[in-house]
Amino acid sequence: MLACAGVIGRMGNIAQGTTVSDYHVSERQHQISTQTSLLHCTWMGKKLNILDTPGYLDFISEALAAVRVADFALVVVHAQHGIGVGTERVWNCATDCGIPKVIVVNAVDKQNAHFDEVLADARAHYGPKVFPLNVPINPGPNFNQVLDVLRNEVVTYETDGHGKFREEPATGEWKERVTQLHRELIELIAESDDTLLNKFFEQGSLSEEEFRAGIHAAVQAQMFIPLFCTSATSNVGVGRLLDFIAKYGSSPLDREKVDAEDARSGAQLRSESRRHRAGAASVQDDERRTLRRAFVLPDLFRANHDRRRFVQRQPQHHGTHRADFSAQRPDARDGVASRRGRHWRDGETQEHAHRRHALRPESSGETSRAGISAPEHSRRAATQGEG
């Protein structure tokens, strides 16, 4: 999407660690997304704010948190694997939040990609309202052509990653198929609105203007769930997906009121959304806290874990004594804490305790770490020096 919109000059590569969204060191090392990334681009004069979430089920909390503040969910399904457990959880969360869904079948350029099977599986899970707006003509490693149902065209893409394409009218069997799909789509849109349905029965069809005007309302009511096929690595089909989002996608104006729950009484409320900040302050605060948990805590946990591991493995030297900090928390400050015979006084900091012990003169009977008393150690050193 960023490459199509001109935000970046060339597409990133997961294997090379050059993708924009996977910027963390661990993400580049493991070549997977582990946290939500905030991206944005402008398409057809409209700004699109993108929350790119991890696809692995281990990091499902990132996706569930992002869905709470999104205007609609773009659910990506792999063309080889189909619908999985993570798909179901994100779908159910989006349904509970009352936001529309759009399905994208990605990786159609892979070997053994099964678009028709994924489409049938999606309809079996979510009903006949799932409808393809484009169909791959040559799925597999050479995938570069799609059948556009909205425009009754065949779109041929260049596979160099720039997303350029050319359009031509469908012919032969593909013309028959796109005509049938276009007619079914008009019927599906007409069923989403009583006014359009009456016009459809009176006229036998809908005009192109009436048909396109009803798409947005049908998507918002989830009477129509669009399905697209793409190849993210070769940038095939992404441009038309952006066209649909810019024309018919959701915006904050479509959710002026959101469902909420009173934290004290548990009563269900109908609160005004961010467009009316005074009435929705409590809802927004909850959303911000959720996002902070999703974005910040994983990094803080890793930082604390690395710091604690470093302190445990690195012994500290003070004067002639060697202190090991592995047996005590590094952040302990109050009370008395024992570290190999040394004690902290009440209210004393770690630095002051080390300075006090380092300056304390050793008694003649104190034993060093090697098990030799200080006077005996001096006599042995003098004897060795004389020899």
Protein backbone atom coordinates (compact mmCIF):
# COMPACT_ATOMS: atom_id res chain seq x y z
CA MET A 1 0.00 0.00 0.00
CA LEU A 2 2.79 2.43 0.87
CA ALA A 3 4.56 1.67 -2.41
CA CYS A 4 1.38 2.21 -4.44
CA ALA A 5 0.71 5.53 -2.69
CA GLY A 6 4.29 6.71 -3.24
CA VAL A 7 5.15 6.91 0.46
CA ILE A 8 8.24 4.74 -0.14
CA GLY A 9 10.34 4.57 -3.27
CA ARG A 10 10.53 0.79 -3.44
CA MET A 11 8.91 -2.14 -1.71
CA GLY A 12 10.51 -3.66 1.33
CA ASN A 13 11.47 -7.31 1.64
CA ILE A 14 10.81 -9.49 4.68
CA ALA A 15 13.84 -11.72 4.12
CA GLN A 16 16.13 -8.69 3.83
CA GLY A 17 14.56 -6.93 6.83
CA THR A 18 13.67 -3.80 4.86
CA THR A 19 9.91 -3.64 5.46
CA VAL A 20 8.57 -0.44 7.00
CA SER A 21 6.22 -2.00 9.52
CA ASP A 22 8.64 -4.65 10.89
CA TYR A 23 11.16 -2.18 12.29
CA HIS A 24 11.96 -3.86 15.61
CA VAL A 25 15.17 -5.90 15.88
CA SER A 26 13.36 -9.07 16.94
CA GLU A 27 10.93 -8.72 14.02
CA ARG A 28 13.75 -8.50 11.52
CA GLN A 29 15.61 -11.41 13.09
CA HIS A 30 12.59 -13.76 13.16
CA GLN A 31 10.99 -12.30 9.98
CA ILE A 32 7.56 -11.99 11.59
CA SER A 33 5.54 -9.13 13.04
CA THR A 34 5.31 -9.08 16.83
CA GLN A 35 3.63 -5.74 17.50
CA THR A 36 1.21 -3.31 15.86
CA SER A 37 2.71 -0.70 13.55
CA LEU A 38 1.11 2.65 12.73
CA LEU A 39 1.29 3.59 9.04
CA HIS A 40 -0.52 6.09 6.84
CA CYS A 41 -0.81 7.04 3.18
CA THR A 42 -2.96 9.21 0.94
CA TRP A 43 -5.03 7.69 -1.87
CA MET A 44 -7.49 9.52 -4.11
CA GLY A 45 -7.24 12.58 -1.88
CA LYS A 46 -8.10 10.70 1.32
CA LYS A 47 -5.76 9.89 4.16
CA LEU A 48 -5.75 6.23 5.21
CA ASN A 49 -4.48 5.38 8.71
CA ILE A 50 -3.31 1.77 8.81
CA LEU A 51 -2.82 -0.39 11.90
CA ASP A 52 -0.63 -3.27 10.70
CA THR A 53 -1.02 -6.09 13.24
CA PRO A 54 0.83 -9.44 13.59
CA GLY A 55 -0.67 -12.48 11.91
CA TYR A 56 0.68 -15.12 14.28
CA LEU A 57 -1.73 -16.38 16.91
CA ASP A 58 0.92 -15.88 19.62
CA PHE A 59 0.48 -12.11 19.23
CA ILE A 60 -3.29 -12.06 18.79
CA SER A 61 -3.63 -9.48 21.58
CA GLU A 62 -2.09 -6.87 19.28
CA ALA A 63 -4.81 -7.39 16.66
CA LEU A 64 -7.63 -7.49 19.22
CA ALA A 65 -6.47 -4.19 20.73
CA ALA A 66 -6.21 -2.51 17.33
CA VAL A 67 -9.70 -3.61 16.30
CA ARG A 68 -11.17 -1.60 19.19
CA VAL A 69 -10.07 1.71 17.67
CA ALA A 70 -10.35 0.87 13.94
CA ASP A 71 -13.15 1.95 11.62
CA PHE A 72 -13.12 -1.36 9.75
CA ALA A 73 -11.11 -4.57 9.69
CA LEU A 74 -9.14 -5.77 6.68
CA VAL A 75 -8.85 -9.50 7.40
CA VAL A 76 -6.00 -11.11 5.42
CA VAL A 77 -6.25 -14.83 4.61
CA HIS A 78 -3.42 -16.85 3.08
CA ALA A 79 -4.34 -18.45 -0.24
CA GLN A 80 -2.53 -21.68 0.69
CA HIS A 81 -3.72 -22.08 4.28
CA GLY A 82 -7.23 -20.65 4.26
CA ILE A 83 -9.20 -19.54 7.31
CA GLY A 84 -7.57 -20.38 10.64
CA VAL A 85 -8.16 -19.93 14.35
CA GLY A 86 -6.67 -16.43 14.36
CA THR A 87 -9.00 -15.41 11.54
CA GLU A 88 -12.00 -16.52 13.57
CA ARG A 89 -10.89 -14.63 16.70
CA VAL A 90 -10.26 -11.37 14.85
CA TRP A 91 -13.53 -11.75 12.97
CA ASN A 92 -15.52 -12.29 16.16
CA CYS A 93 -13.82 -9.34 17.85
CA ALA A 94 -14.62 -7.06 14.90
CA THR A 95 -18.24 -8.27 14.98
CA ASP A 96 -18.48 -7.55 18.71
CA CYS A 97 -17.09 -4.04 18.12
CA GLY A 98 -19.64 -3.48 15.35
CA ILE A 99 -17.18 -2.59 12.59
CA PRO A 100 -17.35 -3.80 8.95
CA LYS A 101 -15.01 -6.45 7.57
CA VAL A 102 -13.23 -6.83 4.24
CA ILE A 103 -11.49 -10.08 3.32
CA VAL A 104 -8.23 -10.11 1.34
CA VAL A 105 -6.94 -13.43 0.02
CA ASN A 106 -3.20 -12.81 -0.23
CA ALA A 107 -0.30 -14.82 -1.71
CA VAL A 108 -2.26 -15.91 -4.77
CA ASP A 109 1.09 -16.01 -6.58
CA LYS A 110 2.29 -18.95 -4.46
CA GLN A 111 2.42 -22.54 -5.62
CA ASN A 112 -0.76 -24.50 -4.86
CA ALA A 113 -2.79 -21.36 -4.16
CA HIS A 114 -6.48 -22.29 -3.87
CA PHE A 115 -8.58 -19.16 -4.32
CA ASP A 116 -11.85 -20.93 -5.12
CA GLU A 117 -11.51 -23.17 -2.07
CA VAL A 118 -10.77 -20.20 0.21
CA LEU A 119 -13.80 -18.37 -1.21
CA ALA A 120 -16.04 -21.39 -0.61
CA ASP A 121 -14.65 -21.76 2.92
CA ALA A 122 -15.29 -18.07 3.68
CA ARG A 123 -18.88 -18.37 2.48
CA ALA A 124 -19.35 -21.50 4.57
CA HIS A 125 -18.13 -19.61 7.66
CA TYR A 126 -19.69 -16.18 7.12
CA GLY A 127 -22.57 -16.77 4.72
CA PRO A 128 -23.36 -15.91 1.08
CA LYS A 129 -22.90 -12.19 1.75
CA VAL A 130 -19.16 -12.78 1.18
CA PHE A 131 -18.73 -11.78 -2.45
CA PRO A 132 -15.57 -11.55 -4.61
CA LEU A 133 -14.94 -8.18 -6.23
CA ASN A 134 -12.06 -9.57 -8.25
CA VAL A 135 -11.11 -13.07 -9.33
CA PRO A 136 -7.60 -14.30 -10.25
CA ILE A 137 -7.31 -15.37 -13.88
CA ASN A 138 -3.91 -17.07 -13.64
CA PRO A 139 -3.24 -17.97 -9.97
CA GLY A 140 0.18 -19.42 -9.20
CA PRO A 141 3.77 -18.24 -9.63
CA ASN A 142 2.89 -16.21 -12.76
CA PHE A 143 -0.13 -14.47 -11.26
CA ASN A 144 -0.61 -11.00 -12.79
CA GLN A 145 -4.22 -10.85 -14.08
CA VAL A 146 -7.49 -10.31 -12.21
CA LEU A 147 -11.11 -10.09 -13.33
CA ASP A 148 -12.62 -6.86 -11.97
CA VAL A 149 -16.29 -7.46 -11.15
CA LEU A 150 -17.16 -3.81 -10.49
CA ARG A 151 -15.89 -2.59 -13.86
CA ASN A 152 -16.35 -5.74 -16.00
CA GLU A 153 -12.69 -5.60 -17.01
CA VAL A 154 -9.55 -7.69 -17.09
CA VAL A 155 -6.69 -5.95 -15.28
CA THR A 156 -3.12 -6.97 -16.13
CA TYR A 157 -0.40 -5.93 -13.68
CA GLU A 158 3.33 -5.58 -14.04
CA THR A 159 5.16 -7.85 -11.63
CA ASP A 160 8.09 -5.53 -10.88
CA GLY A 161 6.50 -4.31 -7.65
CA HIS A 162 5.46 -0.84 -8.85
CA GLY A 163 1.78 -1.79 -9.12
CA LYS A 164 1.30 -0.47 -12.65
CA PHE A 165 -1.46 -2.07 -14.69
CA ARG A 166 -3.50 -1.85 -17.88
CA GLU A 167 -7.21 -2.46 -18.38
CA GLU A 168 -9.05 -4.16 -21.20
CA PRO A 169 -12.62 -5.44 -21.67
CA ALA A 170 -13.27 -9.05 -20.72
CA THR A 171 -13.80 -11.44 -23.60
CA GLY A 172 -14.90 -15.04 -24.09
CA GLU A 173 -15.65 -17.11 -21.02
CA TRP A 174 -14.34 -14.40 -18.73
CA LYS A 175 -16.91 -11.95 -20.11
CA GLU A 176 -19.70 -14.40 -19.35
CA ARG A 177 -18.41 -14.97 -15.84
CA VAL A 178 -17.92 -11.28 -14.98
CA THR A 179 -21.38 -10.45 -16.36
CA GLN A 180 -22.94 -13.10 -14.14
CA LEU A 181 -20.98 -11.95 -11.09
CA HIS A 182 -21.88 -8.31 -11.73
CA ARG A 183 -25.58 -9.18 -11.91
CA GLU A 184 -25.38 -11.14 -8.64
CA LEU A 185 -23.58 -8.23 -6.98
CA ILE A 186 -26.35 -5.80 -8.00
CA GLU A 187 -28.95 -8.13 -6.48
CA LEU A 188 -26.92 -8.39 -3.27
CA ILE A 189 -26.63 -4.60 -2.96
CA ALA A 190 -30.32 -4.15 -3.69
CA GLU A 191 -31.25 -6.54 -0.88
CA SER A 192 -29.42 -4.37 1.64
CA ASP A 193 -31.84 -1.44 1.25
CA ASP A 194 -35.64 -1.46 0.86
CA THR A 195 -35.63 1.53 -1.51
CA LEU A 196 -33.09 -0.08 -3.80
CA LEU A 197 -34.95 -3.37 -3.61
CA ASN A 198 -38.20 -1.74 -4.78
CA LYS A 199 -36.39 -0.07 -7.66
CA PHE A 200 -34.80 -3.37 -8.56
CA PHE A 201 -38.20 -5.09 -8.76
CA GLU A 202 -39.73 -2.21 -10.72
CA GLN A 203 -36.91 -1.74 -13.21
CA GLY A 204 -35.49 -5.25 -13.25
CA SER A 205 -32.06 -3.86 -12.31
CA LEU A 206 -30.30 -0.81 -10.86
CA SER A 207 -28.48 1.93 -12.68
CA GLU A 208 -24.74 2.12 -12.21
CA GLU A 209 -25.12 5.25 -10.06
CA GLU A 210 -27.76 3.66 -7.82
CA PHE A 211 -25.73 0.50 -7.57
CA ARG A 212 -22.51 2.25 -6.54
CA ALA A 213 -24.33 4.58 -4.16
CA GLY A 214 -25.63 1.57 -2.23
CA ILE A 215 -22.27 -0.18 -1.83
CA HIS A 216 -21.09 1.94 1.11
CA ALA A 217 -24.31 1.49 3.09
CA ALA A 218 -24.30 -2.26 2.37
CA VAL A 219 -20.73 -2.58 3.64
CA GLN A 220 -21.54 -0.62 6.81
CA ALA A 221 -24.58 -2.80 7.49
CA GLN A 222 -22.49 -5.92 6.78
CA MET A 223 -25.07 -7.08 4.27
CA PHE A 224 -22.16 -7.27 1.84
CA ILE A 225 -18.63 -8.46 2.72
CA PRO A 226 -16.18 -7.72 -0.12
CA LEU A 227 -13.43 -10.21 -0.91
CA PHE A 228 -10.29 -9.34 -2.88
CA CYS A 229 -7.34 -11.37 -4.19
CA THR A 230 -3.84 -9.89 -4.08
CA SER A 231 -0.15 -10.66 -4.15
CA ALA A 232 1.66 -8.42 -1.70
CA THR A 233 5.16 -9.44 -2.82
CA SER A 234 4.58 -8.51 -6.48
CA ASN A 235 2.06 -5.71 -5.74
CA VAL A 236 -0.73 -7.23 -7.81
CA GLY A 237 -4.31 -6.21 -7.00
CA VAL A 238 -3.34 -3.76 -4.25
CA GLY A 239 -4.19 -0.64 -6.26
CA ARG A 240 -7.80 -1.70 -6.83
CA LEU A 241 -8.10 -2.59 -3.15
CA LEU A 242 -7.03 0.96 -2.25
CA ASP A 243 -9.59 2.31 -4.73
CA PHE A 244 -12.37 0.45 -2.95
CA ILE A 245 -11.22 1.58 0.51
CA ALA A 246 -11.01 5.23 -0.55
CA LYS A 247 -14.44 5.19 -2.22
CA TYR A 248 -16.51 2.87 -0.05
CA GLY A 249 -14.49 2.28 3.13
CA SER A 250 -15.41 3.39 6.63
CA SER A 251 -14.54 6.66 8.33
CA PRO A 252 -15.12 8.02 11.88
CA LEU A 253 -18.33 9.64 10.58
CA ASP A 254 -19.81 6.18 10.14
CA ARG A 255 -19.49 5.46 13.87
CA GLU A 256 -20.83 8.54 15.62
CA LYS A 257 -22.07 6.35 18.46
CA VAL A 258 -20.38 3.30 19.93
CA ASP A 259 -21.46 0.69 22.45
CA ALA A 260 -19.86 0.99 25.89
CA GLU A 261 -20.22 -0.50 29.34
CA ASP A 262 -20.40 1.33 32.65
CA ALA A 263 -17.37 0.16 34.67
CA ARG A 264 -19.23 0.52 37.96
CA SER A 265 -22.71 -0.78 37.27
CA GLY A 266 -22.04 -2.92 34.19
CA ALA A 267 -24.92 -1.24 32.34
CA GLN A 268 -24.78 -1.09 28.56
CA LEU A 269 -24.46 2.45 27.20
CA ARG A 270 -24.59 4.09 23.81
CA SER A 271 -21.82 6.70 23.82
CA GLU A 272 -20.87 9.32 21.29
CA SER A 273 -17.63 8.61 19.47
CA ARG A 274 -14.48 10.74 19.15
CA ARG A 275 -16.28 13.31 17.02
CA HIS A 276 -18.00 14.34 20.27
CA ARG A 277 -15.10 14.27 22.69
CA ALA A 278 -16.98 15.52 25.72
CA GLY A 279 -19.42 12.63 25.67
CA ALA A 280 -16.88 9.95 24.83
CA ALA A 281 -13.94 10.87 27.06
CA SER A 282 -14.22 7.72 29.18
CA VAL A 283 -14.44 5.47 26.13
CA GLN A 284 -11.42 7.13 24.52
CA ASP A 285 -9.39 6.84 27.72
CA ASP A 286 -10.08 3.11 27.83
CA GLU A 287 -9.00 2.82 24.20
CA ARG A 288 -5.79 4.75 24.82
CA ARG A 289 -4.95 2.59 27.82
CA THR A 290 -5.55 -0.51 25.72
CA LEU A 291 -3.22 0.78 23.01
CA ARG A 292 -0.52 1.63 25.56
CA ARG A 293 -0.70 -1.89 26.87
CA ALA A 294 -0.46 -3.28 23.39
CA PHE A 295 2.39 -1.07 22.19
CA VAL A 296 4.57 -0.32 25.21
CA LEU A 297 4.49 -3.32 27.52
CA PRO A 298 6.18 -5.83 25.19
CA ASP A 299 9.18 -3.51 24.76
CA LEU A 300 9.36 -2.72 28.48
CA PHE A 301 9.25 -6.40 29.35
CA ARG A 302 12.10 -7.15 26.98
CA ALA A 303 14.15 -4.22 28.33
CA ASN A 304 13.66 -5.24 31.97
CA HIS A 305 14.38 -8.85 31.16
CA ASP A 306 17.63 -7.97 29.37
CA ARG A 307 18.71 -5.66 32.22
CA ARG A 308 18.04 -8.27 34.88
CA ARG A 309 19.83 -10.94 32.89
CA PHE A 310 22.86 -8.64 32.45
CA VAL A 311 23.04 -7.89 36.17
CA GLN A 312 22.87 -11.56 37.04
CA ARG A 313 25.63 -12.59 34.67
CA GLN A 314 28.09 -9.74 35.32
CA PRO A 315 29.75 -9.81 38.78
CA GLN A 316 30.73 -6.44 40.23
CA HIS A 317 34.16 -5.64 41.75
CA HIS A 318 34.54 -3.16 44.61
CA GLY A 319 38.05 -2.71 46.12
CA THR A 320 39.56 -6.09 46.94
CA HIS A 321 36.20 -7.81 47.21
CA ARG A 322 34.04 -9.35 44.52
CA ALA A 323 30.26 -9.00 45.03
CA ASP A 324 27.75 -11.19 43.21
CA PHE A 325 24.34 -9.62 42.62
CA SER A 326 22.58 -12.72 41.34
CA ALA A 327 21.09 -13.53 44.74
CA GLN A 328 19.36 -10.18 45.27
CA ARG A 329 16.96 -8.04 43.25
CA PRO A 330 18.83 -5.09 41.72
CA ASP A 331 16.06 -2.68 42.66
CA ALA A 332 15.94 -3.56 46.39
CA ARG A 333 16.58 -0.51 48.52
CA ASP A 334 14.74 -0.70 51.84
CA GLY A 335 15.60 -2.70 54.94
CA VAL A 336 18.66 -4.89 55.38
CA ALA A 337 19.87 -6.96 52.44
CA SER A 338 22.72 -9.44 52.78
CA ARG A 339 25.28 -9.81 49.97
CA ARG A 340 28.02 -12.27 50.98
CA GLY A 341 28.40 -10.97 54.53
CA ARG A 342 27.76 -7.30 53.76
CA HIS A 343 24.71 -5.47 55.01
CA TRP A 344 22.73 -2.45 53.92
CA ARG A 345 21.55 -0.14 56.64
CA ASP A 346 18.00 1.18 56.75
CA GLY A 347 17.53 3.93 54.17
CA GLU A 348 21.00 3.40 52.71
CA THR A 349 21.42 3.29 48.94
CA GLN A 350 23.39 0.64 47.11
CA GLU A 351 26.15 3.10 46.13
CA HIS A 352 26.67 4.28 49.72
CA ALA A 353 26.81 0.71 51.00
CA HIS A 354 29.52 -0.25 48.50
CA ARG A 355 31.54 2.89 49.31
CA ARG A 356 31.32 2.23 53.05
CA HIS A 357 32.45 -1.37 52.69
CA ALA A 358 35.24 -0.50 50.25
CA LEU A 359 36.72 2.06 52.66
CA ARG A 360 36.42 -0.18 55.73
CA PRO A 361 39.87 -1.49 56.84
CA GLU A 362 40.18 -5.24 56.85
CA SER A 363 40.82 -6.94 60.17
CA SER A 364 43.71 -9.32 60.63
CA GLY A 365 41.37 -12.24 60.98
CA GLU A 366 39.28 -11.55 57.89
CA THR A 367 39.54 -14.20 55.25
CA SER A 368 39.74 -13.32 51.56
CA ARG A 369 37.92 -15.13 48.78
CA ALA A 370 40.90 -17.49 48.23
CA GLY A 371 40.70 -18.69 51.85
CA ILE A 372 43.99 -17.00 53.02
CA SER A 373 44.02 -14.45 55.83
CA ALA A 374 45.37 -10.97 55.00
CA PRO A 375 48.60 -11.15 57.13
CA GLU A 376 49.48 -14.59 55.80
CA HIS A 377 48.83 -13.38 52.25
CA SER A 378 51.28 -10.46 52.82
CA ARG A 379 53.98 -12.77 54.17
CA ARG A 380 53.68 -15.11 51.16
CA ALA A 381 53.90 -12.19 48.76
CA ALA A 382 57.01 -10.86 50.48
CA THR A 383 58.64 -14.29 50.44
CA GLN A 384 57.93 -14.71 46.73
CA GLY A 385 59.35 -11.24 46.03
CA GLU A 386 62.59 -12.03 47.82
CA GLY A 387 63.00 -15.25 45.89
